[in-house]
Protein backbone atom coordinates (compact mmCIF):
# COMPACT_ATOMS: atom_id res chain seq x y z
CA PHE A 1 -78.96 10.93 17.46
CA LEU A 2 -79.01 14.68 18.15
CA LYS A 3 -81.59 14.26 20.93
CA VAL A 4 -79.36 11.73 22.69
CA LEU A 5 -76.25 13.83 22.12
CA CYS A 6 -77.91 16.86 23.74
CA THR A 7 -79.08 14.95 26.81
CA TRP A 8 -77.14 15.89 29.92
CA PRO A 9 -74.33 14.80 30.77
CA VAL A 10 -73.46 13.56 27.27
CA PRO A 11 -72.31 17.02 25.95
CA LEU A 12 -69.87 17.39 28.86
CA LEU A 13 -68.58 13.87 28.32
CA VAL A 14 -68.08 14.55 24.61
CA VAL A 15 -66.07 17.69 25.43
CA LEU A 16 -63.97 15.78 27.98
CA ARG A 17 -63.34 12.94 25.54
CA SER A 18 -62.37 15.43 22.81
CA THR A 19 -60.00 17.19 25.20
CA GLN A 20 -58.42 13.85 26.01
CA GLY A 21 -57.88 13.33 22.29
CA PHE A 22 -56.01 16.62 22.05
CA LEU A 23 -53.89 15.59 25.04
CA ASN A 24 -53.05 12.39 23.18
CA PHE A 25 -51.89 14.47 20.24
CA ALA A 26 -49.68 16.64 22.46
CA PHE A 27 -48.32 13.62 24.29
CA PHE A 28 -47.44 11.51 21.26
CA GLU A 29 -46.51 14.27 18.79
CA VAL A 30 -45.25 17.34 20.67
CA VAL A 31 -43.40 15.68 23.56
CA PRO A 32 -41.23 13.53 21.24
CA LEU A 33 -40.34 16.59 19.15
CA TRP A 34 -39.33 18.41 22.31
CA ALA A 35 -37.32 15.41 23.55
CA ILE A 36 -35.22 15.19 20.36
CA SER A 37 -34.72 18.98 20.14
CA SER A 38 -31.27 20.32 20.96
CA LEU A 39 -30.33 21.53 24.41
CA ASP A 40 -30.05 25.07 23.01
CA LEU A 41 -33.74 24.93 22.10
CA GLY A 42 -34.70 23.60 25.54
CA GLY A 43 -35.00 19.96 24.53
CA LEU A 44 -33.17 16.92 25.82
CA ALA A 45 -31.24 16.15 22.59
CA LEU A 46 -32.26 12.50 22.75
CA THR A 47 -31.49 10.13 19.90
CA GLU A 48 -34.25 8.24 18.11
CA ASN A 49 -33.08 5.00 19.74
CA ILE A 50 -33.35 6.43 23.25
CA LEU A 51 -36.74 7.94 22.44
CA GLY A 52 -37.88 4.56 21.12
CA THR A 53 -36.73 2.93 24.37
CA ILE A 54 -38.71 5.52 26.34
CA PHE A 55 -41.82 4.77 24.29
CA ALA A 56 -41.34 1.02 24.70
CA PHE A 57 -40.96 1.34 28.47
CA SER A 58 -43.98 3.63 28.57
CA ALA A 59 -46.07 1.14 26.60
CA VAL A 60 -45.09 -1.76 28.85
CA GLY A 61 -45.76 0.32 31.98
CA SER A 62 -49.11 1.51 30.67
CA GLY A 63 -50.07 -2.00 29.60
CA GLY A 64 -49.21 -3.29 33.07
CA PHE A 65 -51.34 -0.58 34.64
CA MET A 66 -54.24 -1.36 32.30
CA ALA A 67 -53.98 -5.05 33.11
CA LEU A 68 -53.45 -4.81 36.85
CA GLY A 69 -54.23 -1.36 38.20
CA ILE A 70 -57.02 0.40 36.35
CA LYS A 71 -59.76 -1.84 37.70
CA ARG A 72 -58.59 -1.28 41.27
CA VAL A 73 -58.48 2.48 40.87
CA THR A 74 -61.86 2.82 39.17
CA LYS A 75 -63.54 0.42 41.61
CA SER A 76 -62.13 2.18 44.65
CA VAL A 77 -62.75 5.81 43.65
CA GLY A 78 -65.37 5.56 40.86
CA LEU A 79 -65.30 6.66 37.23
CA ARG A 80 -65.58 10.42 37.83
CA ARG A 81 -62.89 10.58 40.47
CA ALA A 82 -60.65 8.24 38.47
CA SER A 83 -60.92 10.50 35.41
CA ALA A 84 -60.28 13.57 37.60
CA LEU A 85 -57.27 11.81 39.13
CA GLY A 86 -56.00 10.96 35.64
CA ASN A 87 -56.38 14.61 34.60
CA LEU A 88 -54.51 15.75 37.70
CA VAL A 89 -51.66 13.31 37.04
CA CYS A 90 -51.45 14.49 33.41
CA LEU A 91 -51.49 18.14 34.47
CA ILE A 92 -48.64 17.62 36.91
CA ALA A 93 -46.68 15.54 34.40
CA PHE A 94 -47.04 18.09 31.60
CA VAL A 95 -45.92 20.85 33.97
CA ILE A 96 -42.81 19.01 35.16
CA MET A 97 -41.90 17.31 31.87
CA PRO A 98 -39.94 20.29 30.45
CA PHE A 99 -37.79 20.27 33.57
CA VAL A 100 -36.83 16.59 33.66
CA PRO A 101 -33.07 16.26 33.90
CA ASN A 102 -32.52 13.13 31.81
CA ALA A 103 -34.00 10.28 29.78
CA VAL A 104 -34.55 7.98 32.78
CA VAL A 105 -36.77 10.48 34.56
CA LEU A 106 -38.60 11.20 31.29
CA MET A 107 -39.15 7.46 30.88
CA ILE A 108 -40.83 7.20 34.29
CA VAL A 109 -42.90 10.38 33.84
CA HIS A 110 -43.93 9.27 30.35
CA ALA A 111 -45.06 5.84 31.59
CA ILE A 112 -47.08 7.37 34.43
CA THR A 113 -48.67 9.92 32.09
CA ASN A 114 -49.43 7.26 29.49
CA SER A 115 -51.17 5.17 32.16
CA ALA A 116 -53.18 8.18 33.37
CA MET A 117 -54.24 9.05 29.83
CA GLY A 118 -55.32 5.47 29.20
CA MET A 119 -57.37 5.53 32.39
CA MET A 120 -59.00 8.83 31.39
CA GLY A 121 -59.97 7.44 28.00
CA ALA A 122 -61.43 4.30 29.51
CA CYS A 123 -63.33 6.30 32.14
CA TYR A 124 -64.78 8.69 29.54
CA ILE A 125 -65.90 5.86 27.29
CA ALA A 126 -67.49 4.04 30.25
CA SER A 127 -69.15 7.28 31.38
CA ILE A 128 -70.62 7.89 27.94
CA ASN A 129 -71.90 4.31 27.90
CA ASN A 130 -73.46 4.81 31.32
CA ALA A 131 -75.10 8.10 30.33
CA VAL A 132 -76.86 6.74 27.24
CA HIS A 133 -79.73 4.27 27.21
CA PRO A 134 -78.51 0.75 26.34
CA SER A 135 -80.56 0.64 23.13
CA GLN A 136 -78.79 3.76 21.81
CA ARG A 137 -75.20 3.10 22.91
CA ALA A 138 -73.89 1.56 19.71
CA THR A 139 -75.38 4.27 17.51
CA VAL A 140 -74.14 7.12 19.66
CA THR A 141 -70.67 5.68 20.11
CA ARG A 142 -70.13 4.91 16.41
CA SER A 143 -71.67 8.15 15.16
CA MET A 144 -69.97 10.35 17.72
CA ALA A 145 -66.56 8.80 17.17
CA ALA A 146 -66.80 9.11 13.39
CA LYS A 147 -68.06 12.70 13.49
CA LEU A 148 -65.50 13.87 16.05
CA ARG A 149 -62.63 12.21 14.24
CA THR A 150 -63.69 13.69 10.90
CA SER A 151 -64.38 17.16 12.26
CA THR A 152 -61.09 17.46 14.17
CA THR A 153 -58.77 15.98 11.55
CA PHE A 154 -58.21 19.34 9.90
CA ILE A 155 -57.09 20.91 13.20
CA ARG A 156 -53.96 18.83 13.71
CA PRO A 157 -50.81 19.91 11.91
CA HIS A 158 -49.89 18.05 8.76
CA PRO A 159 -46.27 17.45 7.74
CA PRO A 160 -44.94 19.75 5.05
CA LYS A 161 -44.54 18.44 1.55
CA HIS A 162 -40.94 18.29 0.37
CA ASP A 163 -40.07 18.63 -3.29
CA HIS A 164 -36.53 17.31 -3.25
CA PRO A 165 -35.84 13.73 -4.40
CA GLY A 166 -35.31 11.02 -1.86
CA TYR A 167 -37.50 12.57 0.83
CA PRO A 168 -40.56 10.45 1.62
């Protein structure tokens, strides 16, 4: 396993895939916290219902892109350029997201970013598959996913424990 993992370009692909995992964390954990924060704190002061609507629209938009658009993009520009394009879209979206004026614009930006992140994940997984010999793909993919997930679990923040009754 280690020999395959150290064969170029697998280390770079592992780093890129790990980075994409951290982006997922920021996108699905930090952005919602910002969106429901008060205007005084720089948030949008959205309600949970509006935030849920944004997530639902984003999921439908991303699903539509995965069903209808991802194949066209990856076939026309290739896996590397498609992943670079996805990174560029995410970069631009994360830069402009704090400045969105309302929930409708956030909904559109969120759906576009969600689609780009899905494309990046698919491109990285396909690139790892292409970089490893077919006889070793299942072992590398399973082992790498399990080890990365286990080793990075401690990094993400965990919710505080509350001692008062009635709090889950």
